[in-house]
């Protein structure tokens, strides 16, 4: 379940970032190639972040969404003893 939560939270937060950028009409530059943009073109990322209360709200919504999904995954793993689920 911890690995499931870890992998899922990465995708949820990335999707939330893209949605917030589009809704606030901000450029999505650096969303998909953050490492290259941060090191080679850092001036393009200045001022592209969100205020701390928005970040806290997004993290809270992510946790609220992850909790039932992790419960579902744990019950799935406890009900089904197939070998492929043991690796996940």
N, C-alpha and C. Protein backbone atom coordinates (compact mmCIF):
# COMPACT_ATOMS: atom_id res chain seq x y z
N UNK A 1 0.82 -1.20 0.00
CA UNK A 1 0.00 0.00 0.00
C UNK A 1 0.87 1.27 0.00
N UNK A 2 1.98 1.32 0.74
CA UNK A 2 2.79 2.54 0.68
C UNK A 2 3.35 2.83 -0.72
N UNK A 3 3.78 1.78 -1.42
CA UNK A 3 4.28 2.00 -2.79
C UNK A 3 3.16 2.48 -3.70
N UNK A 4 1.97 1.90 -3.55
CA UNK A 4 0.80 2.32 -4.33
C UNK A 4 0.51 3.80 -4.08
N UNK A 5 0.52 4.20 -2.81
CA UNK A 5 0.24 5.60 -2.47
C UNK A 5 1.32 6.51 -3.02
N UNK A 6 2.57 6.08 -2.94
CA UNK A 6 3.67 6.90 -3.43
C UNK A 6 3.56 7.14 -4.93
N UNK A 7 3.34 6.06 -5.68
CA UNK A 7 3.25 6.19 -7.14
C UNK A 7 2.03 7.00 -7.53
N UNK A 8 0.91 6.74 -6.89
CA UNK A 8 -0.32 7.44 -7.24
C UNK A 8 -0.25 8.94 -6.91
N UNK A 9 0.42 9.29 -5.80
CA UNK A 9 0.45 10.71 -5.44
C UNK A 9 1.28 11.52 -6.44
N UNK A 10 2.27 10.91 -7.03
CA UNK A 10 3.06 11.62 -8.04
C UNK A 10 2.18 12.01 -9.22
N UNK A 11 1.39 11.06 -9.70
CA UNK A 11 0.53 11.34 -10.85
C UNK A 11 -0.61 12.30 -10.49
N UNK A 12 -1.17 12.16 -9.30
CA UNK A 12 -2.24 13.06 -8.89
C UNK A 12 -1.75 14.50 -8.76
N UNK A 13 -0.59 14.69 -8.16
CA UNK A 13 -0.06 16.05 -8.00
C UNK A 13 0.37 16.65 -9.33
N UNK A 14 0.90 15.83 -10.21
CA UNK A 14 1.28 16.34 -11.52
C UNK A 14 0.04 16.78 -12.30
N UNK A 15 -1.01 15.98 -12.23
CA UNK A 15 -2.27 16.34 -12.90
C UNK A 15 -2.87 17.59 -12.28
N UNK A 16 -2.83 17.70 -10.95
CA UNK A 16 -3.35 18.89 -10.28
C UNK A 16 -2.57 20.13 -10.68
N UNK A 17 -1.28 20.00 -10.82
CA UNK A 17 -0.45 21.13 -11.24
C UNK A 17 -0.84 21.59 -12.64
N UNK A 18 -1.02 20.66 -13.54
CA UNK A 18 -1.39 21.02 -14.91
C UNK A 18 -2.76 21.69 -14.94
N UNK A 19 -3.71 21.13 -14.20
CA UNK A 19 -5.06 21.71 -14.16
C UNK A 19 -5.02 23.13 -13.59
N UNK A 20 -4.28 23.33 -12.51
CA UNK A 20 -4.20 24.66 -11.91
C UNK A 20 -3.51 25.66 -12.84
N UNK A 21 -2.48 25.21 -13.54
CA UNK A 21 -1.81 26.11 -14.47
C UNK A 21 -2.74 26.51 -15.61
N UNK A 22 -3.49 25.57 -16.12
CA UNK A 22 -4.41 25.89 -17.22
C UNK A 22 -5.54 26.78 -16.72
N UNK A 23 -6.09 26.49 -15.54
CA UNK A 23 -7.20 27.30 -15.01
C UNK A 23 -6.78 28.72 -14.69
N UNK A 24 -5.54 28.92 -14.30
CA UNK A 24 -5.07 30.27 -13.96
C UNK A 24 -4.37 30.95 -15.13
N UNK A 25 -4.43 30.33 -16.32
CA UNK A 25 -3.84 30.88 -17.54
C UNK A 25 -2.35 31.15 -17.40
N UNK A 26 -1.67 30.25 -16.73
CA UNK A 26 -0.21 30.37 -16.60
C UNK A 26 0.45 29.43 -17.60
N UNK A 27 1.69 29.73 -17.98
CA UNK A 27 2.36 28.86 -18.94
C UNK A 27 2.69 27.50 -18.31
N UNK A 28 2.58 26.48 -19.11
CA UNK A 28 2.90 25.13 -18.62
C UNK A 28 4.35 24.75 -18.93
N UNK A 29 5.14 25.72 -19.33
CA UNK A 29 6.54 25.47 -19.61
C UNK A 29 7.24 25.00 -18.34
N UNK A 30 7.97 23.93 -18.44
CA UNK A 30 8.68 23.40 -17.29
C UNK A 30 7.89 22.33 -16.56
N UNK A 31 6.64 22.12 -16.96
CA UNK A 31 5.84 21.10 -16.30
C UNK A 31 6.31 19.71 -16.69
N UNK A 32 6.69 19.54 -17.93
CA UNK A 32 7.09 18.23 -18.41
C UNK A 32 8.60 18.04 -18.45
N UNK A 33 9.34 19.11 -18.49
CA UNK A 33 10.80 19.02 -18.54
C UNK A 33 11.41 19.91 -17.46
N UNK A 34 10.98 19.70 -16.24
CA UNK A 34 11.36 20.57 -15.13
C UNK A 34 12.87 20.61 -14.90
N UNK A 35 13.53 19.48 -14.99
CA UNK A 35 14.96 19.44 -14.71
C UNK A 35 15.74 20.28 -15.70
N UNK A 36 15.45 20.11 -16.98
CA UNK A 36 16.16 20.88 -18.00
C UNK A 36 15.86 22.36 -17.86
N UNK A 37 14.61 22.69 -17.65
CA UNK A 37 14.22 24.10 -17.53
C UNK A 37 14.83 24.73 -16.28
N UNK A 38 14.83 24.00 -15.17
CA UNK A 38 15.34 24.56 -13.92
C UNK A 38 16.83 24.84 -13.99
N UNK A 39 17.58 23.98 -14.68
CA UNK A 39 19.03 24.16 -14.71
C UNK A 39 19.52 24.99 -15.89
N UNK A 40 18.85 24.88 -17.03
CA UNK A 40 19.33 25.58 -18.20
C UNK A 40 18.63 26.92 -18.44
N UNK A 41 17.38 27.02 -18.03
CA UNK A 41 16.61 28.25 -18.26
C UNK A 41 15.84 28.63 -17.00
N UNK A 42 16.52 28.89 -15.87
CA UNK A 42 15.79 29.16 -14.63
C UNK A 42 14.98 30.45 -14.65
N UNK A 43 15.32 31.38 -15.53
CA UNK A 43 14.57 32.64 -15.58
C UNK A 43 13.15 32.42 -16.08
N UNK A 44 12.91 31.35 -16.80
CA UNK A 44 11.56 31.07 -17.30
C UNK A 44 10.64 30.54 -16.20
N UNK A 45 11.21 30.06 -15.10
CA UNK A 45 10.40 29.52 -14.01
C UNK A 45 10.12 30.53 -12.92
N UNK A 46 10.75 31.69 -12.97
CA UNK A 46 10.55 32.67 -11.90
C UNK A 46 9.12 33.18 -11.91
N UNK A 47 8.50 33.17 -10.74
CA UNK A 47 7.14 33.64 -10.61
C UNK A 47 6.09 32.68 -11.11
N UNK A 48 6.45 31.44 -11.37
CA UNK A 48 5.48 30.50 -11.92
C UNK A 48 4.84 29.62 -10.85
N UNK A 49 5.18 29.84 -9.59
CA UNK A 49 4.63 29.00 -8.53
C UNK A 49 3.31 29.50 -8.00
N UNK A 50 2.76 28.74 -7.06
CA UNK A 50 1.50 29.09 -6.42
C UNK A 50 1.77 29.48 -4.97
N UNK A 51 0.88 30.28 -4.38
CA UNK A 51 1.05 30.64 -2.97
C UNK A 51 0.93 29.41 -2.07
N UNK A 52 1.52 29.51 -0.89
CA UNK A 52 1.55 28.39 0.04
C UNK A 52 0.17 27.88 0.43
N UNK A 53 -0.83 28.71 0.67
CA UNK A 53 -2.16 28.17 0.99
C UNK A 53 -2.74 27.31 -0.14
N UNK A 54 -2.46 27.66 -1.38
CA UNK A 54 -2.93 26.85 -2.51
C UNK A 54 -2.23 25.50 -2.50
N UNK A 55 -0.95 25.49 -2.21
CA UNK A 55 -0.20 24.24 -2.16
C UNK A 55 -0.72 23.36 -1.03
N UNK A 56 -1.00 23.95 0.12
CA UNK A 56 -1.56 23.16 1.23
C UNK A 56 -2.93 22.60 0.86
N UNK A 57 -3.74 23.37 0.17
CA UNK A 57 -5.07 22.90 -0.23
C UNK A 57 -4.96 21.74 -1.22
N UNK A 58 -4.03 21.85 -2.15
CA UNK A 58 -3.84 20.76 -3.12
C UNK A 58 -3.35 19.50 -2.42
N UNK A 59 -2.43 19.64 -1.47
CA UNK A 59 -1.96 18.46 -0.73
C UNK A 59 -3.07 17.84 0.09
N UNK A 60 -3.93 18.66 0.68
CA UNK A 60 -5.04 18.14 1.47
C UNK A 60 -6.02 17.37 0.58
N UNK A 61 -6.35 17.94 -0.56
CA UNK A 61 -7.25 17.25 -1.49
C UNK A 61 -6.62 15.95 -1.98
N UNK A 62 -5.32 15.97 -2.22
CA UNK A 62 -4.63 14.76 -2.65
C UNK A 62 -4.71 13.68 -1.57
N UNK A 63 -4.50 14.05 -0.32
CA UNK A 63 -4.60 13.07 0.77
C UNK A 63 -6.01 12.54 0.91
N UNK A 64 -7.00 13.41 0.75
CA UNK A 64 -8.39 12.97 0.85
C UNK A 64 -8.72 11.99 -0.28
N UNK A 65 -8.18 12.23 -1.46
CA UNK A 65 -8.41 11.31 -2.58
C UNK A 65 -7.63 10.01 -2.42
N UNK A 66 -6.44 10.08 -1.85
CA UNK A 66 -5.60 8.89 -1.72
C UNK A 66 -6.10 7.93 -0.64
N UNK A 67 -6.70 8.44 0.40
CA UNK A 67 -7.08 7.60 1.54
C UNK A 67 -8.04 6.47 1.14
N UNK A 68 -9.16 6.77 0.47
CA UNK A 68 -10.03 5.65 0.08
C UNK A 68 -9.41 4.74 -0.98
N UNK A 69 -8.59 5.31 -1.86
CA UNK A 69 -7.92 4.48 -2.86
C UNK A 69 -6.95 3.50 -2.22
N UNK A 70 -6.24 3.95 -1.20
CA UNK A 70 -5.31 3.06 -0.49
C UNK A 70 -6.09 2.00 0.30
N UNK A 71 -7.22 2.36 0.85
CA UNK A 71 -8.06 1.38 1.53
C UNK A 71 -8.58 0.32 0.57
N UNK A 72 -8.98 0.76 -0.63
CA UNK A 72 -9.42 -0.18 -1.65
C UNK A 72 -8.29 -1.12 -2.05
N UNK A 73 -7.09 -0.56 -2.24
CA UNK A 73 -5.94 -1.37 -2.64
C UNK A 73 -5.58 -2.39 -1.55
N UNK A 74 -5.62 -1.97 -0.29
CA UNK A 74 -5.32 -2.88 0.81
C UNK A 74 -6.34 -4.01 0.89
N UNK A 75 -7.63 -3.69 0.70
CA UNK A 75 -8.64 -4.74 0.74
C UNK A 75 -8.53 -5.66 -0.46
N UNK A 76 -8.16 -5.13 -1.61
CA UNK A 76 -7.94 -5.96 -2.79
C UNK A 76 -6.80 -6.94 -2.56
N UNK A 77 -5.71 -6.44 -1.98
CA UNK A 77 -4.58 -7.31 -1.72
C UNK A 77 -4.89 -8.36 -0.66
N UNK A 78 -5.72 -8.03 0.32
CA UNK A 78 -6.04 -9.01 1.37
C UNK A 78 -7.05 -10.05 0.87
N UNK A 79 -7.94 -9.68 -0.05
CA UNK A 79 -8.91 -10.63 -0.59
C UNK A 79 -8.30 -11.54 -1.63
N UNK A 80 -7.43 -11.01 -2.45
CA UNK A 80 -6.87 -11.75 -3.58
C UNK A 80 -5.41 -12.07 -3.30
N UNK A 81 -5.07 -13.32 -3.24
CA UNK A 81 -3.70 -13.74 -2.92
C UNK A 81 -2.91 -14.14 -4.16
N UNK A 82 -3.20 -13.53 -5.30
CA UNK A 82 -2.46 -13.91 -6.50
C UNK A 82 -1.01 -13.43 -6.39
N UNK A 83 -0.16 -14.10 -7.12
CA UNK A 83 1.28 -13.81 -7.01
C UNK A 83 1.64 -12.44 -7.56
N UNK A 84 0.97 -12.00 -8.61
CA UNK A 84 1.36 -10.73 -9.19
C UNK A 84 1.03 -9.56 -8.27
N UNK A 85 0.00 -9.69 -7.43
CA UNK A 85 -0.32 -8.61 -6.49
C UNK A 85 0.74 -8.52 -5.38
N UNK A 86 1.39 -9.62 -5.06
CA UNK A 86 2.40 -9.59 -3.99
C UNK A 86 3.60 -8.75 -4.40
N UNK A 87 3.85 -8.62 -5.69
CA UNK A 87 4.97 -7.81 -6.17
C UNK A 87 4.63 -6.32 -6.18
N UNK A 88 3.36 -6.02 -6.22
CA UNK A 88 2.94 -4.63 -6.22
C UNK A 88 2.64 -4.20 -4.82
